[in-house]
Amino acid sequence: IKSLFFAFIIVTVSSYMGINTSGGAEGVGKSTTQAVVISMILILVSDFFMTMLLNALGII
């Protein structure tokens, strides 16, 4: 369950950053770095809350 949600986060953030990229090759590099950083932060935060939720429901 969690891995599918994490994949959704990565795809959504990467697509959004890719569509809104400007500035040529330099812009692509900056957007890629931002996408990775934002994805990792969102995954860490969502992992915490999903673990708490699944633990409270007795699934984990």
N, C-alpha and C. Protein backbone atom coordinates (compact mmCIF):
# COMPACT_ATOMS: atom_id res chain seq x y z
N ILE A 1 0.84 -1.19 0.00
CA ILE A 1 0.00 0.00 0.00
C ILE A 1 0.88 1.24 0.00
N LYS A 2 1.85 1.25 0.88
CA LYS A 2 2.70 2.44 1.01
C LYS A 2 3.53 2.68 -0.25
N SER A 3 4.03 1.62 -0.84
CA SER A 3 4.88 1.79 -2.02
C SER A 3 4.11 2.39 -3.19
N LEU A 4 2.85 2.03 -3.34
CA LEU A 4 2.03 2.62 -4.40
C LEU A 4 1.81 4.11 -4.15
N PHE A 5 1.60 4.47 -2.91
CA PHE A 5 1.42 5.88 -2.56
C PHE A 5 2.71 6.66 -2.79
N PHE A 6 3.84 6.06 -2.45
CA PHE A 6 5.13 6.71 -2.68
C PHE A 6 5.39 6.90 -4.17
N ALA A 7 5.04 5.88 -4.96
CA ALA A 7 5.20 6.00 -6.41
C ALA A 7 4.34 7.12 -6.97
N PHE A 8 3.12 7.25 -6.44
CA PHE A 8 2.23 8.33 -6.87
C PHE A 8 2.85 9.69 -6.55
N ILE A 9 3.45 9.82 -5.38
CA ILE A 9 4.11 11.08 -5.00
C ILE A 9 5.24 11.40 -5.97
N ILE A 10 6.07 10.41 -6.26
CA ILE A 10 7.22 10.63 -7.15
C ILE A 10 6.76 11.03 -8.54
N VAL A 11 5.78 10.31 -9.08
CA VAL A 11 5.28 10.61 -10.43
C VAL A 11 4.65 11.99 -10.48
N THR A 12 3.85 12.33 -9.48
CA THR A 12 3.17 13.62 -9.48
C THR A 12 4.15 14.78 -9.37
N VAL A 13 5.07 14.70 -8.44
CA VAL A 13 6.04 15.79 -8.25
C VAL A 13 6.94 15.91 -9.47
N SER A 14 7.43 14.80 -9.98
CA SER A 14 8.33 14.84 -11.14
C SER A 14 7.63 15.38 -12.37
N SER A 15 6.40 14.96 -12.59
CA SER A 15 5.65 15.47 -13.74
C SER A 15 5.39 16.96 -13.62
N TYR A 16 4.99 17.40 -12.44
CA TYR A 16 4.72 18.82 -12.23
C TYR A 16 5.98 19.65 -12.46
N MET A 17 7.09 19.21 -11.88
CA MET A 17 8.34 19.96 -12.04
C MET A 17 8.81 19.93 -13.49
N GLY A 18 8.63 18.81 -14.17
CA GLY A 18 9.05 18.70 -15.56
C GLY A 18 8.24 19.57 -16.49
N ILE A 19 6.93 19.65 -16.26
CA ILE A 19 6.07 20.47 -17.11
C ILE A 19 6.38 21.94 -16.93
N ASN A 20 6.71 22.34 -15.74
CA ASN A 20 6.95 23.76 -15.45
C ASN A 20 8.43 24.16 -15.54
N THR A 21 9.22 23.37 -16.24
CA THR A 21 10.65 23.67 -16.38
C THR A 21 10.87 24.71 -17.47
N SER A 22 11.76 25.64 -17.19
CA SER A 22 12.18 26.61 -18.21
C SER A 22 13.66 26.89 -17.99
N GLY A 23 14.29 27.48 -18.98
CA GLY A 23 15.69 27.85 -18.81
C GLY A 23 16.69 26.89 -19.42
N GLY A 24 16.23 26.03 -20.32
CA GLY A 24 17.15 25.13 -21.01
C GLY A 24 17.72 24.04 -20.12
N ALA A 25 18.96 23.66 -20.43
CA ALA A 25 19.60 22.55 -19.71
C ALA A 25 19.81 22.88 -18.23
N GLU A 26 20.12 24.13 -17.94
CA GLU A 26 20.30 24.54 -16.55
C GLU A 26 18.99 24.42 -15.78
N GLY A 27 17.89 24.82 -16.41
CA GLY A 27 16.58 24.71 -15.78
C GLY A 27 16.18 23.27 -15.52
N VAL A 28 16.54 22.39 -16.45
CA VAL A 28 16.23 20.96 -16.27
C VAL A 28 16.99 20.41 -15.07
N GLY A 29 18.24 20.80 -14.92
CA GLY A 29 19.03 20.35 -13.77
C GLY A 29 18.45 20.83 -12.46
N LYS A 30 18.05 22.11 -12.42
CA LYS A 30 17.46 22.66 -11.19
C LYS A 30 16.12 21.99 -10.88
N SER A 31 15.30 21.79 -11.91
CA SER A 31 14.00 21.16 -11.70
C SER A 31 14.15 19.72 -11.22
N THR A 32 15.13 19.02 -11.76
CA THR A 32 15.37 17.64 -11.34
C THR A 32 15.77 17.58 -9.87
N THR A 33 16.68 18.47 -9.48
CA THR A 33 17.11 18.52 -8.08
C THR A 33 15.94 18.86 -7.17
N GLN A 34 15.14 19.83 -7.55
CA GLN A 34 13.98 20.21 -6.74
C GLN A 34 12.99 19.06 -6.64
N ALA A 35 12.76 18.35 -7.75
CA ALA A 35 11.82 17.24 -7.74
C ALA A 35 12.28 16.13 -6.79
N VAL A 36 13.57 15.84 -6.79
CA VAL A 36 14.10 14.80 -5.91
C VAL A 36 13.96 15.21 -4.45
N VAL A 37 14.33 16.45 -4.14
CA VAL A 37 14.26 16.93 -2.75
C VAL A 37 12.82 16.96 -2.26
N ILE A 38 11.92 17.52 -3.06
CA ILE A 38 10.51 17.60 -2.66
C ILE A 38 9.92 16.20 -2.50
N SER A 39 10.23 15.30 -3.42
CA SER A 39 9.72 13.93 -3.34
C SER A 39 10.19 13.24 -2.06
N MET A 40 11.46 13.38 -1.74
CA MET A 40 11.99 12.73 -0.54
C MET A 40 11.35 13.28 0.73
N ILE A 41 11.16 14.59 0.78
CA ILE A 41 10.53 15.18 1.96
C ILE A 41 9.09 14.70 2.09
N LEU A 42 8.35 14.71 0.97
CA LEU A 42 6.96 14.25 1.01
C LEU A 42 6.87 12.77 1.37
N ILE A 43 7.80 11.97 0.89
CA ILE A 43 7.79 10.54 1.21
C ILE A 43 8.06 10.33 2.70
N LEU A 44 9.02 11.05 3.25
CA LEU A 44 9.30 10.91 4.69
C LEU A 44 8.10 11.31 5.54
N VAL A 45 7.48 12.43 5.20
CA VAL A 45 6.32 12.91 5.97
C VAL A 45 5.15 11.95 5.81
N SER A 46 4.86 11.54 4.57
CA SER A 46 3.73 10.64 4.35
C SER A 46 3.98 9.27 4.96
N ASP A 47 5.23 8.80 4.97
CA ASP A 47 5.55 7.52 5.60
C ASP A 47 5.24 7.57 7.09
N PHE A 48 5.60 8.66 7.73
CA PHE A 48 5.31 8.81 9.16
C PHE A 48 3.81 8.73 9.42
N PHE A 49 3.04 9.53 8.68
CA PHE A 49 1.60 9.56 8.93
C PHE A 49 0.91 8.26 8.52
N MET A 50 1.36 7.64 7.43
CA MET A 50 0.75 6.38 7.02
C MET A 50 1.07 5.27 8.03
N THR A 51 2.28 5.27 8.56
CA THR A 51 2.64 4.28 9.58
C THR A 51 1.79 4.47 10.83
N MET A 52 1.62 5.72 11.24
CA MET A 52 0.78 5.99 12.42
C MET A 52 -0.66 5.54 12.18
N LEU A 53 -1.19 5.83 10.99
CA LEU A 53 -2.56 5.46 10.67
C LEU A 53 -2.72 3.94 10.60
N LEU A 54 -1.84 3.28 9.88
CA LEU A 54 -1.94 1.83 9.75
C LEU A 54 -1.70 1.13 11.08
N ASN A 55 -0.84 1.71 11.90
CA ASN A 55 -0.60 1.16 13.23
C ASN A 55 -1.84 1.32 14.11
N ALA A 56 -2.50 2.46 14.02
CA ALA A 56 -3.71 2.69 14.82
C ALA A 56 -4.84 1.76 14.38
N LEU A 57 -4.87 1.43 13.09
CA LEU A 57 -5.91 0.54 12.59
C LEU A 57 -5.58 -0.93 12.83
N GLY A 58 -4.37 -1.20 13.30
CA GLY A 58 -3.96 -2.57 13.58
C GLY A 58 -3.53 -3.34 12.35
N ILE A 59 -3.25 -2.65 11.27
CA ILE A 59 -2.83 -3.32 10.04
C ILE A 59 -1.34 -3.67 10.10
N ILE A 60 -0.56 -2.83 10.74
CA ILE A 60 0.89 -3.10 10.88
C ILE A 60 1.15 -3.60 12.29
